[in-house]
Amino acid sequence: MSKIAGVPHLRAVRALEPEKLTGKALAKFEAERDVWQEVLDGVKEIKAGGSKRKKVEPKSHVVSVRLNST
């Protein structure tokens, strides 16, 4: 990812984002989801002490500088 003074280019960031589902593809995705099972899996994971994201990184360069200054 190319950067200018530590800030990623907007085009590079957009290239990493997944495409949004629309129309029939979205309806098919939603029909196949088991939302209740996703919630139960999340609760079990939290109770087990695990999480998918171990480190939360700020999206803004200004926020990251401010957090690192303290």
PDB file of N, CA and C in Angstrom:
ATOM      1  N   MET A   1       0.840  -1.161   0.000  1.00  0.00           N
ATOM      2  CA  MET A   1       0.000   0.000   0.000  1.00  0.00           C
ATOM      3  C   MET A   1       0.893   1.234   0.000  1.00  0.00           C
ATOM      4  N   SER A   2       0.670   2.119  -0.924  1.00  0.00           N
ATOM      5  CA  SER A   2       1.493   3.313  -1.002  1.00  0.00           C
ATOM      6  C   SER A   2       1.033   4.333   0.035  1.00  0.00           C
ATOM      7  N   LYS A   3       1.977   5.102   0.535  1.00  0.00           N
ATOM      8  CA  LYS A   3       1.655   6.060   1.587  1.00  0.00           C
ATOM      9  C   LYS A   3       2.288   7.408   1.285  1.00  0.00           C
ATOM     10  N   ILE A   4       1.652   8.442   1.769  1.00  0.00           N
ATOM     11  CA  ILE A   4       2.208   9.784   1.742  1.00  0.00           C
ATOM     12  C   ILE A   4       2.248  10.246   3.191  1.00  0.00           C
ATOM     13  N   ALA A   5       3.421  10.432   3.727  1.00  0.00           N
ATOM     14  CA  ALA A   5       3.618  10.878   5.113  1.00  0.00           C
ATOM     15  C   ALA A   5       2.857   9.997   6.092  1.00  0.00           C
ATOM     16  N   GLY A   6       2.886   8.680   5.875  1.00  0.00           N
ATOM     17  CA  GLY A   6       2.266   7.758   6.800  1.00  0.00           C
ATOM     18  C   GLY A   6       0.775   7.534   6.611  1.00  0.00           C
ATOM     19  N   VAL A   7       0.156   8.223   5.640  1.00  0.00           N
ATOM     20  CA  VAL A   7      -1.277   8.089   5.412  1.00  0.00           C
ATOM     21  C   VAL A   7      -1.497   7.322   4.112  1.00  0.00           C
ATOM     22  N   PRO A   8      -2.248   6.217   4.148  1.00  0.00           N
ATOM     23  CA  PRO A   8      -2.458   5.443   2.925  1.00  0.00           C
ATOM     24  C   PRO A   8      -3.286   6.220   1.903  1.00  0.00           C
ATOM     25  N   HIS A   9      -2.985   6.002   0.635  1.00  0.00           N
ATOM     26  CA  HIS A   9      -3.777   6.616  -0.434  1.00  0.00           C
ATOM     27  C   HIS A   9      -5.192   6.076  -0.380  1.00  0.00           C
ATOM     28  N   LEU A  10      -6.154   6.910  -0.711  1.00  0.00           N
ATOM     29  CA  LEU A  10      -7.548   6.509  -0.683  1.00  0.00           C
ATOM     30  C   LEU A  10      -7.817   5.385  -1.674  1.00  0.00           C
ATOM     31  N   ARG A  11      -7.190   5.434  -2.854  1.00  0.00           N
ATOM     32  CA  ARG A  11      -7.393   4.374  -3.846  1.00  0.00           C
ATOM     33  C   ARG A  11      -6.912   3.026  -3.323  1.00  0.00           C
ATOM     34  N   ALA A  12      -5.796   3.016  -2.625  1.00  0.00           N
ATOM     35  CA  ALA A  12      -5.254   1.769  -2.089  1.00  0.00           C
ATOM     36  C   ALA A  12      -6.177   1.212  -1.014  1.00  0.00           C
ATOM     37  N   VAL A  13      -6.762   2.074  -0.214  1.00  0.00           N
ATOM     38  CA  VAL A  13      -7.671   1.631   0.831  1.00  0.00           C
ATOM     39  C   VAL A  13      -8.939   1.069   0.209  1.00  0.00           C
ATOM     40  N   ARG A  14      -9.474   1.741  -0.798  1.00  0.00           N
ATOM     41  CA  ARG A  14     -10.692   1.277  -1.458  1.00  0.00           C
ATOM     42  C   ARG A  14     -10.470  -0.060  -2.160  1.00  0.00           C
ATOM     43  N   ALA A  15      -9.277  -0.305  -2.644  1.00  0.00           N
ATOM     44  CA  ALA A  15      -8.995  -1.559  -3.338  1.00  0.00           C
ATOM     45  C   ALA A  15      -9.062  -2.746  -2.381  1.00  0.00           C
ATOM     46  N   LEU A  16      -8.841  -2.512  -1.094  1.00  0.00           N
ATOM     47  CA  LEU A  16      -8.865  -3.586  -0.105  1.00  0.00           C
ATOM     48  C   LEU A  16     -10.266  -3.892   0.408  1.00  0.00           C
ATOM     49  N   GLU A  17     -11.228  -2.988   0.184  1.00  0.00           N
ATOM     50  CA  GLU A  17     -12.585  -3.184   0.676  1.00  0.00           C
ATOM     51  C   GLU A  17     -13.309  -4.220  -0.173  1.00  0.00           C
ATOM     52  N   PRO A  18     -14.077  -5.107   0.452  1.00  0.00           N
ATOM     53  CA  PRO A  18     -14.848  -6.072  -0.329  1.00  0.00           C
ATOM     54  C   PRO A  18     -15.990  -5.371  -1.066  1.00  0.00           C
ATOM     55  N   GLU A  19     -16.402  -5.951  -2.183  1.00  0.00           N
ATOM     56  CA  GLU A  19     -17.497  -5.365  -2.945  1.00  0.00           C
ATOM     57  C   GLU A  19     -18.803  -5.587  -2.200  1.00  0.00           C
ATOM     58  N   LYS A  20     -19.713  -4.616  -2.298  1.00  0.00           N
ATOM     59  CA  LYS A  20     -21.004  -4.722  -1.637  1.00  0.00           C
ATOM     60  C   LYS A  20     -21.927  -5.603  -2.459  1.00  0.00           C
ATOM     61  N   LEU A  21     -22.678  -6.442  -1.762  1.00  0.00           N
ATOM     62  CA  LEU A  21     -23.648  -7.293  -2.436  1.00  0.00           C
ATOM     63  C   LEU A  21     -24.909  -6.489  -2.714  1.00  0.00           C
ATOM     64  N   THR A  22     -25.511  -6.724  -3.861  1.00  0.00           N
ATOM     65  CA  THR A  22     -26.751  -6.040  -4.200  1.00  0.00           C
ATOM     66  C   THR A  22     -27.720  -7.035  -4.827  1.00  0.00           C
ATOM     67  N   GLY A  23     -28.975  -6.694  -4.788  1.00  0.00           N
ATOM     68  CA  GLY A  23     -30.006  -7.449  -5.477  1.00  0.00           C
ATOM     69  C   GLY A  23     -30.095  -8.910  -5.081  1.00  0.00           C
ATOM     70  N   LYS A  24     -30.056  -9.774  -6.089  1.00  0.00           N
ATOM     71  CA  LYS A  24     -30.230 -11.210  -5.867  1.00  0.00           C
ATOM     72  C   LYS A  24     -29.100 -11.806  -5.036  1.00  0.00           C
ATOM     73  N   ALA A  25     -27.872 -11.326  -5.236  1.00  0.00           N
ATOM     74  CA  ALA A  25     -26.737 -11.851  -4.477  1.00  0.00           C
ATOM     75  C   ALA A  25     -26.901 -11.562  -2.991  1.00  0.00           C
ATOM     76  N   LEU A  26     -27.380 -10.370  -2.656  1.00  0.00           N
ATOM     77  CA  LEU A  26     -27.610 -10.012  -1.259  1.00  0.00           C
ATOM     78  C   LEU A  26     -28.747 -10.840  -0.666  1.00  0.00           C
ATOM     79  N   ALA A  27     -29.816 -11.006  -1.415  1.00  0.00           N
ATOM     80  CA  ALA A  27     -30.946 -11.799  -0.936  1.00  0.00           C
ATOM     81  C   ALA A  27     -30.529 -13.248  -0.687  1.00  0.00           C
ATOM     82  N   LYS A  28     -29.724 -13.805  -1.583  1.00  0.00           N
ATOM     83  CA  LYS A  28     -29.251 -15.186  -1.421  1.00  0.00           C
ATOM     84  C   LYS A  28     -28.366 -15.306  -0.183  1.00  0.00           C
ATOM     85  N   PHE A  29     -27.456 -14.347   0.002  1.00  0.00           N
ATOM     86  CA  PHE A  29     -26.565 -14.353   1.157  1.00  0.00           C
ATOM     87  C   PHE A  29     -27.363 -14.284   2.455  1.00  0.00           C
ATOM     88  N   GLU A  30     -28.325 -13.380   2.520  1.00  0.00           N
ATOM     89  CA  GLU A  30     -29.134 -13.212   3.733  1.00  0.00           C
ATOM     90  C   GLU A  30     -29.997 -14.445   3.997  1.00  0.00           C
ATOM     91  N   ALA A  31     -30.497 -15.102   2.950  1.00  0.00           N
ATOM     92  CA  ALA A  31     -31.342 -16.282   3.124  1.00  0.00           C
ATOM     93  C   ALA A  31     -30.539 -17.454   3.693  1.00  0.00           C
ATOM     94  N   GLU A  32     -29.257 -17.537   3.364  1.00  0.00           N
ATOM     95  CA  GLU A  32     -28.420 -18.652   3.806  1.00  0.00           C
ATOM     96  C   GLU A  32     -27.799 -18.432   5.184  1.00  0.00           C
ATOM     97  N   ARG A  33     -27.865 -17.200   5.696  1.00  0.00           N
ATOM     98  CA  ARG A  33     -27.250 -16.901   6.998  1.00  0.00           C
ATOM     99  C   ARG A  33     -28.079 -17.455   8.141  1.00  0.00           C
ATOM    100  N   ASP A  34     -27.399 -17.887   9.177  1.00  0.00           N
ATOM    101  CA  ASP A  34     -28.051 -18.276  10.422  1.00  0.00           C
ATOM    102  C   ASP A  34     -27.552 -17.286  11.480  1.00  0.00           C
ATOM    103  N   VAL A  35     -28.264 -16.159  11.578  1.00  0.00           N
ATOM    104  CA  VAL A  35     -27.818 -15.066  12.431  1.00  0.00           C
ATOM    105  C   VAL A  35     -27.768 -15.503  13.893  1.00  0.00           C
ATOM    106  N   TRP A  36     -28.766 -16.274  14.327  1.00  0.00           N
ATOM    107  CA  TRP A  36     -28.784 -16.711  15.720  1.00  0.00           C
ATOM    108  C   TRP A  36     -27.554 -17.558  16.032  1.00  0.00           C
ATOM    109  N   GLN A  37     -27.160 -18.426  15.116  1.00  0.00           N
ATOM    110  CA  GLN A  37     -25.970 -19.247  15.338  1.00  0.00           C
ATOM    111  C   GLN A  37     -24.718 -18.376  15.390  1.00  0.00           C
ATOM    112  N   GLU A  38     -24.663 -17.319  14.568  1.00  0.00           N
ATOM    113  CA  GLU A  38     -23.527 -16.400  14.597  1.00  0.00           C
ATOM    114  C   GLU A  38     -23.429 -15.722  15.963  1.00  0.00           C
ATOM    115  N   VAL A  39     -24.578 -15.331  16.522  1.00  0.00           N
ATOM    116  CA  VAL A  39     -24.591 -14.691  17.840  1.00  0.00           C
ATOM    117  C   VAL A  39     -24.122 -15.671  18.911  1.00  0.00           C
ATOM    118  N   LEU A  40     -24.641 -16.898  18.871  1.00  0.00           N
ATOM    119  CA  LEU A  40     -24.234 -17.902  19.859  1.00  0.00           C
ATOM    120  C   LEU A  40     -22.741 -18.210  19.769  1.00  0.00           C
ATOM    121  N   ASP A  41     -22.219 -18.298  18.551  1.00  0.00           N
ATOM    122  CA  ASP A  41     -20.785 -18.534  18.375  1.00  0.00           C
ATOM    123  C   ASP A  41     -19.968 -17.388  18.967  1.00  0.00           C
ATOM    124  N   GLY A  42     -20.450 -16.160  18.770  1.00  0.00           N
ATOM    125  CA  GLY A  42     -19.754 -15.005  19.318  1.00  0.00           C
ATOM    126  C   GLY A  42     -19.734 -15.009  20.834  1.00  0.00           C
ATOM    127  N   VAL A  43     -20.869 -15.373  21.436  1.00  0.00           N
ATOM    128  CA  VAL A  43     -20.947 -15.432  22.903  1.00  0.00           C
ATOM    129  C   VAL A  43     -20.012 -16.510  23.437  1.00  0.00           C
ATOM    130  N   LYS A  44     -20.004 -17.674  22.791  1.00  0.00           N
ATOM    131  CA  LYS A  44     -19.113 -18.759  23.220  1.00  0.00           C
ATOM    132  C   LYS A  44     -17.651 -18.326  23.116  1.00  0.00           C
ATOM    133  N   GLU A  45     -17.321 -17.607  22.067  1.00  0.00           N
ATOM    134  CA  GLU A  45     -15.943 -17.152  21.870  1.00  0.00           C
ATOM    135  C   GLU A  45     -15.537 -16.148  22.944  1.00  0.00           C
ATOM    136  N   ILE A  46     -16.456 -15.241  23.274  1.00  0.00           N
ATOM    137  CA  ILE A  46     -16.167 -14.256  24.315  1.00  0.00           C
ATOM    138  C   ILE A  46     -15.982 -14.937  25.662  1.00  0.00           C
ATOM    139  N   LYS A  47     -16.872 -15.883  25.982  1.00  0.00           N
ATOM    140  CA  LYS A  47     -16.764 -16.595  27.251  1.00  0.00           C
ATOM    141  C   LYS A  47     -15.483 -17.407  27.344  1.00  0.00           C
ATOM    142  N   ALA A  48     -15.001 -17.896  26.204  1.00  0.00           N
ATOM    143  CA  ALA A  48     -13.773 -18.685  26.184  1.00  0.00           C
ATOM    144  C   ALA A  48     -12.534 -17.802  26.296  1.00  0.00           C
ATOM    145  N   GLY A  49     -12.732 -16.486  26.235  1.00  0.00           N
ATOM    146  CA  GLY A  49     -11.609 -15.565  26.363  1.00  0.00           C
ATOM    147  C   GLY A  49     -10.919 -15.259  25.062  1.00  0.00           C
ATOM    148  N   GLY A  50     -11.467 -15.681  23.973  1.00  0.00           N
ATOM    149  CA  GLY A  50     -10.850 -15.421  22.674  1.00  0.00           C
ATOM    150  C   GLY A  50     -11.585 -14.327  21.931  1.00  0.00           C
ATOM    151  N   SER A  51     -10.939 -13.822  20.926  1.00  0.00           N
ATOM    152  CA  SER A  51     -11.573 -12.859  20.043  1.00  0.00           C
ATOM    153  C   SER A  51     -10.867 -12.916  18.701  1.00  0.00           C
ATOM    154  N   LYS A  52     -11.546 -12.472  17.682  1.00  0.00           N
ATOM    155  CA  LYS A  52     -10.952 -12.519  16.346  1.00  0.00           C
ATOM    156  C   LYS A  52      -9.898 -11.428  16.174  1.00  0.00           C
ATOM    157  N   ARG A  53     -10.154 -10.287  16.792  1.00  0.00           N
ATOM    158  CA  ARG A  53      -9.245  -9.168  16.623  1.00  0.00           C
ATOM    159  C   ARG A  53      -8.472  -8.975  17.914  1.00  0.00           C
ATOM    160  N   LYS A  54      -7.179  -9.151  17.860  1.00  0.00           N
ATOM    161  CA  LYS A  54      -6.349  -9.034  19.052  1.00  0.00           C
ATOM    162  C   LYS A  54      -5.900  -7.594  19.298  1.00  0.00           C
ATOM    163  N   LYS A  55      -5.698  -6.842  18.229  1.00  0.00           N
ATOM    164  CA  LYS A  55      -5.212  -5.477  18.359  1.00  0.00           C
ATOM    165  C   LYS A  55      -6.085  -4.561  17.518  1.00  0.00           C
ATOM    166  N   VAL A  56      -6.593  -3.517  18.127  1.00  0.00           N
ATOM    167  CA  VAL A  56      -7.431  -2.562  17.418  1.00  0.00           C
ATOM    168  C   VAL A  56      -6.553  -1.398  16.994  1.00  0.00           C
ATOM    169  N   GLU A  57      -6.520  -1.138  15.711  1.00  0.00           N
ATOM    170  CA  GLU A  57      -5.703  -0.052  15.179  1.00  0.00           C
ATOM    171  C   GLU A  57      -6.605   1.104  14.771  1.00  0.00           C
ATOM    172  N   PRO A  58      -6.266   2.323  15.149  1.00  0.00           N
ATOM    173  CA  PRO A  58      -7.079   3.464  14.727  1.00  0.00           C
ATOM    174  C   PRO A  58      -6.981   3.679  13.215  1.00  0.00           C
ATOM    175  N   LYS A  59      -8.093   4.097  12.613  1.00  0.00           N
ATOM    176  CA  LYS A  59      -8.120   4.324  11.174  1.00  0.00           C
ATOM    177  C   LYS A  59      -7.468   5.653  10.805  1.00  0.00           C
ATOM    178  N   SER A  60      -7.526   6.611  11.697  1.00  0.00           N
ATOM    179  CA  SER A  60      -7.012   7.938  11.425  1.00  0.00           C
ATOM    180  C   SER A  60      -5.558   8.067  11.889  1.00  0.00           C
ATOM    181  N   HIS A  61      -4.740   8.674  11.056  1.00  0.00           N
ATOM    182  CA  HIS A  61      -3.345   8.919  11.404  1.00  0.00           C
ATOM    183  C   HIS A  61      -3.254   9.844  12.618  1.00  0.00           C
ATOM    184  N   VAL A  62      -4.142  10.820  12.686  1.00  0.00           N
ATOM    185  CA  VAL A  62      -4.136  11.773  13.798  1.00  0.00           C
ATOM    186  C   VAL A  62      -4.410  11.051  15.114  1.00  0.00           C
ATOM    187  N   VAL A  63      -5.361  10.134  15.112  1.00  0.00           N
ATOM    188  CA  VAL A  63      -5.693   9.391  16.322  1.00  0.00           C
ATOM    189  C   VAL A  63      -4.523   8.513  16.747  1.00  0.00           C
ATOM    190  N   SER A  64      -3.872   7.865  15.803  1.00  0.00           N
ATOM    191  CA  SER A  64      -2.758   6.999  16.156  1.00  0.00           C
ATOM    192  C   SER A  64      -1.596   7.795  16.749  1.00  0.00           C
ATOM    193  N   VAL A  65      -1.307   8.978  16.207  1.00  0.00           N
ATOM    194  CA  VAL A  65      -0.247   9.830  16.750  1.00  0.00           C
ATOM    195  C   VAL A  65      -0.599  10.266  18.161  1.00  0.00           C
ATOM    196  N   ARG A  66      -1.868  10.629  18.348  1.00  0.00           N
ATOM    197  CA  ARG A  66      -2.298  11.096  19.669  1.00  0.00           C
ATOM    198  C   ARG A  66      -2.198   9.966  20.696  1.00  0.00           C
ATOM    199  N   LEU A  67      -2.604   8.750  20.320  1.00  0.00           N
ATOM    200  CA  LEU A  67      -2.513   7.625  21.246  1.00  0.00           C
ATOM    201  C   LEU A  67      -1.082   7.287  21.584  1.00  0.00           C
ATOM    202  N   ASN A  68      -0.182   7.406  20.634  1.00  0.00           N
ATOM    203  CA  ASN A  68       1.232   7.083  20.850  1.00  0.00           C
ATOM    204  C   ASN A  68       1.958   8.157  21.639  1.00  0.00           C
ATOM    205  N   SER A  69       1.410   9.376  21.712  1.00  0.00           N
ATOM    206  CA  SER A  69       2.090  10.471  22.411  1.00  0.00           C
ATOM    207  C   SER A  69       1.935  10.390  23.920  1.00  0.00           C
ATOM    208  N   THR A  70       0.982   9.594  24.395  1.00  0.00           N
ATOM    209  CA  THR A  70       0.747   9.531  25.858  1.00  0.00           C
ATOM    210  C   THR A  70       1.551   8.435  26.499  1.00  0.00           C
TER     211      THR A  70
END
